């Protein structure tokens, strides 16, 4: 029997999507970029770019290259401001898969990453108490049936906790809606 049920977003509404530019050492090599996260710092993606599992990514241009990366994302479980890395795990509700899609070009980074449908997430959030160490997680991206990207979060310049520390020093991160 066929079902009309679809998986939905694991998070109903996000206030912010904050990401680090060039935060993987291997990605820096792949993109032939000498700049690091310390130089490029962070950027925001529009919350309207989020789609759920099995939804279609719509490409805005036919003639421009698209870059995509698999990422480990986390959801803030309580308001965070000026949180030291040593306490960051207490502010993270859980972790989920996220795909970061970018139109290649010279426009500002947030524009190229914030098109509607450019941030597929889910299908699940794994709570922090069940997840284990987020700073040692293997991440793979398949293009069709071939692994096109493979890395480990231990290769990040800013790990999950340092990332939360630095971002919460600049802006208040609020508890997300489930």
N, C-alpha and C. Protein backbone atom coordinates (compact mmCIF):
# COMPACT_ATOMS: atom_id res chain seq x y z
N UNK A 1 0.83 -1.17 0.00
CA UNK A 1 0.00 0.00 0.00
C UNK A 1 0.89 1.24 0.00
N UNK A 2 0.62 2.17 -0.87
CA UNK A 2 1.39 3.40 -0.97
C UNK A 2 0.86 4.42 0.03
N UNK A 3 1.76 5.22 0.54
CA UNK A 3 1.39 6.24 1.51
C UNK A 3 1.67 7.62 0.94
N UNK A 4 0.84 8.58 1.28
CA UNK A 4 1.05 9.96 0.86
C UNK A 4 1.82 10.75 1.90
N UNK A 5 2.33 10.09 2.90
CA UNK A 5 3.05 10.77 3.97
C UNK A 5 4.42 11.22 3.49
N UNK A 6 4.81 12.40 3.98
CA UNK A 6 6.12 12.95 3.66
C UNK A 6 6.80 13.35 4.96
N UNK A 7 8.11 13.18 4.98
CA UNK A 7 8.85 13.68 6.13
C UNK A 7 8.85 15.20 6.07
N UNK A 8 8.76 15.82 7.23
CA UNK A 8 8.76 17.27 7.29
C UNK A 8 10.04 17.76 7.95
N UNK A 9 10.20 19.06 7.97
CA UNK A 9 11.36 19.66 8.59
C UNK A 9 11.43 19.28 10.07
N UNK A 10 12.62 18.93 10.55
CA UNK A 10 12.75 18.61 11.97
C UNK A 10 12.71 19.85 12.87
N UNK A 11 12.86 21.03 12.29
CA UNK A 11 12.78 22.29 13.02
C UNK A 11 11.76 23.14 12.29
N UNK A 12 10.77 23.68 13.02
CA UNK A 12 9.69 24.42 12.37
C UNK A 12 10.11 25.80 11.89
N UNK A 13 10.88 26.50 12.70
CA UNK A 13 11.27 27.85 12.34
C UNK A 13 12.66 28.13 12.90
N UNK A 14 13.54 28.63 12.06
CA UNK A 14 14.88 29.00 12.51
C UNK A 14 15.03 30.51 12.49
N UNK A 15 15.67 31.06 13.50
CA UNK A 15 15.91 32.49 13.53
C UNK A 15 17.13 32.87 12.71
N UNK A 16 18.15 32.00 12.72
CA UNK A 16 19.40 32.28 12.01
C UNK A 16 20.00 30.98 11.51
N UNK A 17 20.72 31.10 10.41
CA UNK A 17 21.63 30.04 9.97
C UNK A 17 22.99 30.71 9.88
N UNK A 18 23.88 30.33 10.77
CA UNK A 18 25.22 30.92 10.81
C UNK A 18 26.20 29.84 10.37
N UNK A 19 27.09 30.20 9.49
CA UNK A 19 28.07 29.24 8.99
C UNK A 19 29.46 29.88 8.95
N UNK A 20 30.45 29.02 8.94
CA UNK A 20 31.84 29.49 8.87
C UNK A 20 32.37 29.26 7.47
N UNK A 21 33.03 30.26 6.94
CA UNK A 21 33.64 30.14 5.62
C UNK A 21 34.95 29.37 5.73
N UNK A 22 35.12 28.43 4.82
CA UNK A 22 36.38 27.67 4.72
C UNK A 22 36.81 27.08 6.06
N UNK A 23 35.88 26.40 6.73
CA UNK A 23 36.17 25.87 8.06
C UNK A 23 36.77 24.47 8.05
N UNK A 24 36.90 23.84 6.89
CA UNK A 24 37.54 22.52 6.79
C UNK A 24 38.88 22.67 6.09
N UNK A 25 39.89 22.12 6.69
CA UNK A 25 41.24 22.21 6.10
C UNK A 25 41.27 21.59 4.70
N UNK A 26 40.61 20.45 4.52
CA UNK A 26 40.62 19.78 3.22
C UNK A 26 39.85 20.58 2.17
N UNK A 27 38.77 21.24 2.59
CA UNK A 27 38.00 22.07 1.66
C UNK A 27 38.84 23.26 1.19
N UNK A 28 39.63 23.81 2.07
CA UNK A 28 40.51 24.91 1.68
C UNK A 28 41.46 24.45 0.57
N UNK A 29 42.00 23.25 0.71
CA UNK A 29 42.90 22.72 -0.32
C UNK A 29 42.15 22.46 -1.62
N UNK A 30 40.95 21.86 -1.51
CA UNK A 30 40.14 21.54 -2.70
C UNK A 30 39.80 22.79 -3.49
N UNK A 31 39.44 23.87 -2.79
CA UNK A 31 39.04 25.11 -3.44
C UNK A 31 40.24 25.99 -3.80
N UNK A 32 41.44 25.54 -3.41
CA UNK A 32 42.68 26.29 -3.67
C UNK A 32 42.58 27.70 -3.08
N UNK A 33 42.15 27.74 -1.83
CA UNK A 33 41.97 29.01 -1.12
C UNK A 33 42.98 29.08 0.01
N UNK A 34 43.68 30.19 0.09
CA UNK A 34 44.64 30.38 1.17
C UNK A 34 44.01 31.00 2.41
N UNK A 35 42.85 31.67 2.24
CA UNK A 35 42.18 32.30 3.36
C UNK A 35 41.62 31.24 4.30
N UNK A 36 41.50 31.60 5.56
CA UNK A 36 40.95 30.68 6.55
C UNK A 36 39.74 31.30 7.22
N UNK A 37 39.09 30.53 8.06
CA UNK A 37 37.92 31.01 8.78
C UNK A 37 38.26 32.25 9.61
N UNK A 38 39.47 32.33 10.11
CA UNK A 38 39.87 33.51 10.88
C UNK A 38 39.87 34.78 10.03
N UNK A 39 40.14 34.64 8.73
CA UNK A 39 40.17 35.80 7.84
C UNK A 39 38.80 36.09 7.23
N UNK A 40 38.08 35.04 6.84
CA UNK A 40 36.78 35.23 6.19
C UNK A 40 35.64 35.28 7.18
N UNK A 41 35.84 34.73 8.33
CA UNK A 41 34.94 34.70 9.46
C UNK A 41 33.62 34.02 9.12
N UNK A 42 32.51 34.53 9.61
CA UNK A 42 31.22 33.85 9.50
C UNK A 42 30.31 34.58 8.54
N UNK A 43 29.26 33.90 8.12
CA UNK A 43 28.25 34.52 7.27
C UNK A 43 26.90 33.94 7.65
N UNK A 44 25.85 34.62 7.22
CA UNK A 44 24.48 34.18 7.47
C UNK A 44 23.86 33.67 6.17
N UNK A 45 23.04 32.65 6.31
CA UNK A 45 22.20 32.18 5.21
C UNK A 45 20.76 32.50 5.59
N UNK A 46 19.94 32.80 4.61
CA UNK A 46 18.55 33.12 4.89
C UNK A 46 17.80 31.88 5.39
N UNK A 47 17.04 32.01 6.48
CA UNK A 47 16.23 30.88 6.94
C UNK A 47 15.23 30.40 5.88
N UNK A 48 14.85 31.28 4.96
CA UNK A 48 13.92 30.88 3.89
C UNK A 48 14.57 29.94 2.88
N UNK A 49 15.88 29.71 2.99
CA UNK A 49 16.56 28.78 2.07
C UNK A 49 16.37 27.32 2.50
N UNK A 50 15.82 27.09 3.68
CA UNK A 50 15.70 25.74 4.22
C UNK A 50 14.56 24.98 3.55
N UNK A 51 14.84 23.72 3.24
CA UNK A 51 13.82 22.78 2.80
C UNK A 51 14.02 21.48 3.57
N UNK A 52 13.00 20.67 3.56
CA UNK A 52 13.05 19.40 4.28
C UNK A 52 13.58 18.28 3.41
N UNK A 53 13.63 17.09 4.01
CA UNK A 53 14.15 15.93 3.29
C UNK A 53 13.27 15.60 2.09
N UNK A 54 13.91 15.17 1.04
CA UNK A 54 13.24 14.74 -0.20
C UNK A 54 12.54 15.87 -0.94
N UNK A 55 12.80 17.12 -0.57
CA UNK A 55 12.26 18.24 -1.35
C UNK A 55 13.26 18.59 -2.44
N UNK A 56 12.79 19.19 -3.49
CA UNK A 56 13.59 19.48 -4.67
C UNK A 56 14.36 20.79 -4.53
N UNK A 57 15.66 20.73 -4.80
CA UNK A 57 16.48 21.94 -4.88
C UNK A 57 16.23 22.55 -6.25
N UNK A 58 15.93 23.84 -6.26
CA UNK A 58 15.69 24.55 -7.52
C UNK A 58 16.90 25.43 -7.82
N UNK A 59 17.49 25.23 -8.98
CA UNK A 59 18.67 25.99 -9.38
C UNK A 59 18.23 27.26 -10.09
N UNK A 60 18.72 28.42 -9.64
CA UNK A 60 18.25 29.70 -10.19
C UNK A 60 18.85 30.06 -11.55
N UNK A 61 19.98 29.43 -11.90
CA UNK A 61 20.65 29.75 -13.16
C UNK A 61 20.98 28.46 -13.89
N UNK A 62 20.84 28.47 -15.20
CA UNK A 62 21.17 27.30 -16.00
C UNK A 62 22.65 27.22 -16.35
N UNK A 63 23.32 28.36 -16.34
CA UNK A 63 24.69 28.41 -16.87
C UNK A 63 25.76 28.72 -15.83
N UNK A 64 25.45 28.57 -14.54
CA UNK A 64 26.44 28.86 -13.52
C UNK A 64 26.72 27.62 -12.69
N UNK A 65 27.98 27.40 -12.36
CA UNK A 65 28.32 26.22 -11.55
C UNK A 65 27.71 26.32 -10.14
N UNK A 66 27.38 25.17 -9.62
CA UNK A 66 26.83 25.04 -8.27
C UNK A 66 27.80 24.19 -7.46
N UNK A 67 28.05 24.62 -6.24
CA UNK A 67 28.90 23.87 -5.31
C UNK A 67 28.01 23.40 -4.16
N UNK A 68 28.21 22.19 -3.70
CA UNK A 68 27.42 21.69 -2.57
C UNK A 68 28.31 20.92 -1.61
N UNK A 69 28.00 21.09 -0.32
CA UNK A 69 28.77 20.44 0.73
C UNK A 69 27.83 19.86 1.77
N UNK A 70 28.18 18.70 2.28
CA UNK A 70 27.47 18.13 3.42
C UNK A 70 28.07 18.71 4.68
N UNK A 71 27.21 19.06 5.63
CA UNK A 71 27.66 19.69 6.87
C UNK A 71 26.96 19.06 8.06
N UNK A 72 27.61 19.12 9.20
CA UNK A 72 26.97 18.82 10.47
C UNK A 72 26.45 20.14 11.02
N UNK A 73 25.16 20.21 11.29
CA UNK A 73 24.57 21.42 11.87
C UNK A 73 24.09 21.11 13.27
N UNK A 74 23.96 22.15 14.06
CA UNK A 74 23.34 21.93 15.37
C UNK A 74 22.28 22.98 15.62
N UNK A 75 21.36 22.63 16.51
CA UNK A 75 20.24 23.48 16.86
C UNK A 75 20.45 23.94 18.30
N UNK A 76 20.36 25.25 18.50
CA UNK A 76 20.52 25.82 19.83
C UNK A 76 19.26 25.52 20.64
N UNK A 77 19.46 25.02 21.85
CA UNK A 77 18.34 24.62 22.70
C UNK A 77 17.96 25.64 23.76
N UNK A 78 18.79 26.64 23.97
CA UNK A 78 18.46 27.73 24.90
C UNK A 78 19.27 28.95 24.51
N UNK A 79 18.79 30.11 24.91
CA UNK A 79 19.44 31.36 24.54
C UNK A 79 20.92 31.34 24.92
N UNK A 80 21.76 31.73 23.97
CA UNK A 80 23.21 31.69 24.16
C UNK A 80 23.81 33.05 23.83
N UNK A 81 24.50 33.62 24.80
CA UNK A 81 25.22 34.88 24.59
C UNK A 81 26.51 34.80 25.39
N UNK A 82 27.64 35.03 24.72
CA UNK A 82 28.96 35.00 25.36
C UNK A 82 29.23 33.67 26.07
N UNK A 83 28.99 32.59 25.36
CA UNK A 83 29.17 31.25 25.92
C UNK A 83 30.60 30.78 25.67
N UNK A 84 31.34 30.41 26.71
CA UNK A 84 32.68 29.86 26.48
C UNK A 84 32.59 28.47 25.85
N UNK A 85 33.56 28.12 25.05
CA UNK A 85 33.58 26.81 24.38
C UNK A 85 33.42 25.67 25.38
N UNK A 86 33.98 25.83 26.56
CA UNK A 86 33.91 24.78 27.58
C UNK A 86 32.48 24.51 28.06
N UNK A 87 31.54 25.44 27.81
CA UNK A 87 30.15 25.27 28.22
C UNK A 87 29.20 25.13 27.04
N UNK A 88 29.72 25.19 25.83
CA UNK A 88 28.88 25.22 24.63
C UNK A 88 27.96 24.02 24.50
N UNK A 89 28.42 22.84 24.88
CA UNK A 89 27.58 21.64 24.73
C UNK A 89 26.28 21.76 25.51
N UNK A 90 26.24 22.56 26.56
CA UNK A 90 25.03 22.75 27.37
C UNK A 90 23.97 23.56 26.64
N UNK A 91 24.35 24.23 25.54
CA UNK A 91 23.43 25.08 24.80
C UNK A 91 22.93 24.42 23.50
N UNK A 92 23.46 23.28 23.18
CA UNK A 92 23.11 22.61 21.93
C UNK A 92 22.05 21.55 22.20
N UNK A 93 20.88 21.72 21.58
CA UNK A 93 19.80 20.76 21.74
C UNK A 93 20.12 19.46 21.01
N UNK A 94 20.56 19.60 19.75
CA UNK A 94 20.83 18.40 18.96
C UNK A 94 21.50 18.73 17.65
N UNK A 95 21.78 17.67 16.89
CA UNK A 95 22.55 17.76 15.65
C UNK A 95 21.74 17.19 14.49
N UNK A 96 21.99 17.72 13.29
CA UNK A 96 21.31 17.23 12.11
C UNK A 96 22.18 17.42 10.88
N UNK A 97 21.82 16.72 9.82
CA UNK A 97 22.52 16.86 8.55
C UNK A 97 22.01 18.12 7.84
N UNK A 98 22.92 18.78 7.15
CA UNK A 98 22.58 19.99 6.39
C UNK A 98 23.41 19.97 5.12
N UNK A 99 22.79 20.35 4.02
CA UNK A 99 23.54 20.53 2.78
C UNK A 99 23.63 22.01 2.49
N UNK A 100 24.84 22.49 2.30
CA UNK A 100 25.10 23.90 1.99
C UNK A 100 25.34 24.01 0.49
N UNK A 101 24.43 24.69 -0.20
CA UNK A 101 24.51 24.82 -1.65
C UNK A 101 24.85 26.27 -1.99
N UNK A 102 25.72 26.44 -2.98
CA UNK A 102 26.21 27.77 -3.35
C UNK A 102 26.27 27.90 -4.87
N UNK A 103 25.78 29.02 -5.38
CA UNK A 103 26.02 29.39 -6.77
C UNK A 103 27.40 30.02 -6.82
N UNK A 104 28.24 29.54 -7.71
CA UNK A 104 29.58 30.12 -7.83
C UNK A 104 29.47 31.46 -8.54
N UNK A 105 30.28 32.42 -8.12
CA UNK A 105 30.26 33.74 -8.74
C UNK A 105 30.93 34.76 -7.85
N UNK A 106 30.84 36.01 -8.26
CA UNK A 106 31.52 37.10 -7.55
C UNK A 106 30.61 37.85 -6.59
N UNK A 107 29.32 37.52 -6.57
CA UNK A 107 28.42 38.22 -5.67
C UNK A 107 28.76 37.88 -4.21
N UNK A 108 28.22 38.64 -3.31
CA UNK A 108 28.43 38.43 -1.89
C UNK A 108 27.99 37.02 -1.49
N UNK A 109 28.74 36.40 -0.59
CA UNK A 109 28.55 35.00 -0.20
C UNK A 109 27.12 34.69 0.26
N UNK A 110 26.55 35.52 1.12
CA UNK A 110 25.20 35.23 1.64
C UNK A 110 24.17 35.20 0.52
N UNK A 111 24.31 36.06 -0.48
CA UNK A 111 23.40 36.04 -1.63
C UNK A 111 23.51 34.72 -2.38
N UNK A 112 24.73 34.29 -2.66
CA UNK A 112 24.94 33.08 -3.45
C UNK A 112 24.52 31.81 -2.72
N UNK A 113 24.37 31.86 -1.40
CA UNK A 113 24.02 30.70 -0.60
C UNK A 113 22.57 30.71 -0.10
N UNK A 114 21.84 31.79 -0.32
CA UNK A 114 20.53 31.95 0.30
C UNK A 114 19.34 31.80 -0.63
N UNK A 115 19.54 31.32 -1.83
CA UNK A 115 18.39 31.10 -2.71
C UNK A 115 17.43 30.12 -2.04
N UNK A 116 16.15 30.30 -2.29
CA UNK A 116 15.17 29.34 -1.78
C UNK A 116 15.61 27.94 -2.18
N UNK A 117 15.49 27.02 -1.27
CA UNK A 117 15.81 25.58 -1.42
C UNK A 117 17.30 25.27 -1.30
N UNK A 118 18.16 26.22 -0.97
CA UNK A 118 19.60 25.98 -0.95
C UNK A 118 20.13 25.43 0.37
N UNK A 119 19.24 25.07 1.29
CA UNK A 119 19.69 24.50 2.56
C UNK A 119 18.80 23.32 2.96
N UNK A 120 18.95 22.19 2.29
CA UNK A 120 18.19 21.00 2.73
C UNK A 120 18.71 20.54 4.10
N UNK A 121 17.78 20.20 5.00
CA UNK A 121 18.17 19.71 6.32
C UNK A 121 17.38 18.45 6.67
N UNK A 122 17.91 17.74 7.65
CA UNK A 122 17.19 16.59 8.21
C UNK A 122 17.61 15.29 7.57
N UNK A 123 16.82 14.28 7.77
CA UNK A 123 15.44 14.32 8.24
C UNK A 123 15.26 14.28 9.76
N UNK A 124 16.32 14.08 10.53
CA UNK A 124 16.16 13.95 11.98
C UNK A 124 17.10 14.88 12.70
N UNK A 125 16.72 15.19 13.93
CA UNK A 125 17.62 15.81 14.89
C UNK A 125 17.97 14.72 15.89
N UNK A 126 19.26 14.53 16.12
CA UNK A 126 19.72 13.61 17.15
C UNK A 126 20.09 14.46 18.36
N UNK A 127 19.45 14.20 19.49
CA UNK A 127 19.70 15.03 20.67
C UNK A 127 21.14 14.88 21.15
N UNK A 128 21.63 15.94 21.77
CA UNK A 128 23.02 15.99 22.22
C UNK A 128 23.39 14.81 23.11
N UNK A 129 22.47 14.40 23.99
CA UNK A 129 22.78 13.31 24.90
C UNK A 129 22.93 11.97 24.19
N UNK A 130 22.39 11.85 22.99
CA UNK A 130 22.50 10.62 22.21
C UNK A 130 23.59 10.68 21.14
N UNK A 131 24.06 11.87 20.83
CA UNK A 131 24.92 12.05 19.67
C UNK A 131 26.37 11.64 19.88
N UNK A 132 26.91 11.92 21.02
CA UNK A 132 28.34 11.67 21.21
C UNK A 132 29.14 12.92 20.89
N UNK A 133 30.39 12.73 20.52
CA UNK A 133 31.31 13.84 20.28
C UNK A 133 31.09 14.43 18.88
N UNK A 134 30.56 15.66 18.79
CA UNK A 134 30.33 16.25 17.47
C UNK A 134 31.62 16.65 16.76
N UNK A 135 32.71 16.65 17.47
CA UNK A 135 33.98 17.07 16.89
C UNK A 135 34.81 15.91 16.37
N UNK A 136 34.16 14.77 16.18
CA UNK A 136 34.80 13.60 15.57
C UNK A 136 33.73 12.76 14.87
N UNK A 137 33.14 13.34 13.82
CA UNK A 137 32.05 12.70 13.09
C UNK A 137 32.44 12.62 11.61
N UNK A 138 32.32 11.45 11.04
CA UNK A 138 32.56 11.28 9.61
C UNK A 138 31.36 11.81 8.83
N UNK A 139 31.62 12.64 7.83
CA UNK A 139 30.57 13.21 6.99
C UNK A 139 30.86 12.84 5.54
N UNK A 140 29.83 12.33 4.88
CA UNK A 140 29.97 11.94 3.47
C UNK A 140 28.82 12.52 2.66
N UNK A 141 29.12 12.84 1.42
CA UNK A 141 28.11 13.32 0.49
C UNK A 141 28.18 12.45 -0.75
N UNK A 142 27.04 11.88 -1.12
CA UNK A 142 26.95 11.07 -2.31
C UNK A 142 26.34 11.89 -3.42
N UNK A 143 26.93 11.84 -4.60
CA UNK A 143 26.34 12.38 -5.81
C UNK A 143 25.96 11.17 -6.63
N UNK A 144 24.66 10.95 -6.74
CA UNK A 144 24.11 9.70 -7.27
C UNK A 144 24.60 8.58 -6.36
N UNK A 145 25.38 7.64 -6.81
CA UNK A 145 25.83 6.54 -5.94
C UNK A 145 27.31 6.64 -5.60
N UNK A 146 27.95 7.73 -5.98
CA UNK A 146 29.39 7.90 -5.77
C UNK A 146 29.63 8.89 -4.64
N UNK A 147 30.52 8.53 -3.71
CA UNK A 147 30.89 9.47 -2.66
C UNK A 147 31.70 10.59 -3.29
N UNK A 148 31.15 11.80 -3.24
CA UNK A 148 31.84 12.94 -3.86
C UNK A 148 32.57 13.80 -2.83
N UNK A 149 32.20 13.69 -1.57
CA UNK A 149 32.88 14.42 -0.50
C UNK A 149 32.93 13.51 0.72
N UNK A 150 34.06 13.54 1.41
CA UNK A 150 34.20 12.77 2.63
C UNK A 150 35.18 13.50 3.53
N UNK A 151 34.76 13.76 4.76
CA UNK A 151 35.64 14.43 5.71
C UNK A 151 35.19 14.06 7.11
N UNK A 152 35.89 14.58 8.08
CA UNK A 152 35.57 14.35 9.47
C UNK A 152 35.55 15.71 10.17
N UNK A 153 34.64 15.88 11.10
CA UNK A 153 34.57 17.16 11.81
C UNK A 153 35.84 17.45 12.61
N UNK A 154 36.66 16.44 12.83
CA UNK A 154 37.95 16.69 13.49
C UNK A 154 38.88 17.51 12.60
N UNK A 155 38.55 17.66 11.32
CA UNK A 155 39.34 18.48 10.39
C UNK A 155 38.88 19.93 10.34
N UNK A 156 37.94 20.32 11.20
CA UNK A 156 37.46 21.70 11.19
C UNK A 156 38.48 22.62 11.88
N UNK A 157 38.57 23.84 11.37
CA UNK A 157 39.41 24.85 11.98
C UNK A 157 38.78 25.28 13.31
N UNK A 158 37.49 25.65 13.28
CA UNK A 158 36.71 25.93 14.49
C UNK A 158 35.80 24.74 14.71
N UNK A 159 35.97 24.01 15.82
CA UNK A 159 35.06 22.90 16.09
C UNK A 159 33.70 23.45 16.52
N UNK A 160 32.73 22.57 16.75
CA UNK A 160 31.37 23.00 17.08
C UNK A 160 31.32 23.93 18.28
N UNK A 161 32.08 23.62 19.30
CA UNK A 161 32.03 24.40 20.53
C UNK A 161 32.72 25.76 20.38
N UNK A 162 33.85 25.78 19.71
CA UNK A 162 34.55 27.05 19.46
C UNK A 162 33.68 27.94 18.56
N UNK A 163 33.02 27.34 17.59
CA UNK A 163 32.13 28.07 16.69
C UNK A 163 31.03 28.76 17.51
N UNK A 164 30.38 28.03 18.41
CA UNK A 164 29.32 28.62 19.23
C UNK A 164 29.87 29.74 20.10
N UNK A 165 31.06 29.54 20.64
CA UNK A 165 31.69 30.56 21.48
C UNK A 165 31.87 31.87 20.70
N UNK A 166 32.46 31.79 19.52
CA UNK A 166 32.76 32.99 18.75
C UNK A 166 31.48 33.65 18.24
N UNK A 167 30.55 32.86 17.73
CA UNK A 167 29.31 33.44 17.21
C UNK A 167 28.50 34.07 18.34
N UNK A 168 28.42 33.41 19.49
CA UNK A 168 27.61 33.97 20.60
C UNK A 168 28.26 35.21 21.21
N UNK A 169 29.52 35.45 20.91
CA UNK A 169 30.15 36.70 21.37
C UNK A 169 29.71 37.88 20.49
N UNK A 170 29.26 37.59 19.27
CA UNK A 170 28.84 38.64 18.35
C UNK A 170 27.33 38.84 18.33
N UNK A 171 26.56 37.76 18.51
CA UNK A 171 25.11 37.84 18.41
C UNK A 171 24.47 36.85 19.36
N UNK A 172 23.28 37.17 19.80
CA UNK A 172 22.53 36.27 20.66
C UNK A 172 21.91 35.16 19.83
N UNK A 173 22.14 33.94 20.23
CA UNK A 173 21.54 32.78 19.59
C UNK A 173 20.35 32.37 20.45
N UNK A 174 19.18 32.23 19.84
CA UNK A 174 17.99 31.93 20.63
C UNK A 174 17.52 30.51 20.41
N UNK A 175 16.77 30.02 21.37
CA UNK A 175 16.21 28.66 21.28
C UNK A 175 15.32 28.59 20.06
N UNK A 176 15.49 27.54 19.27
CA UNK A 176 14.72 27.38 18.05
C UNK A 176 13.37 26.71 18.35
N UNK A 177 12.44 26.83 17.39
CA UNK A 177 11.10 26.31 17.54
C UNK A 177 11.00 24.93 16.91
N UNK A 178 10.48 23.99 17.66
CA UNK A 178 10.32 22.61 17.16
C UNK A 178 8.86 22.32 16.89
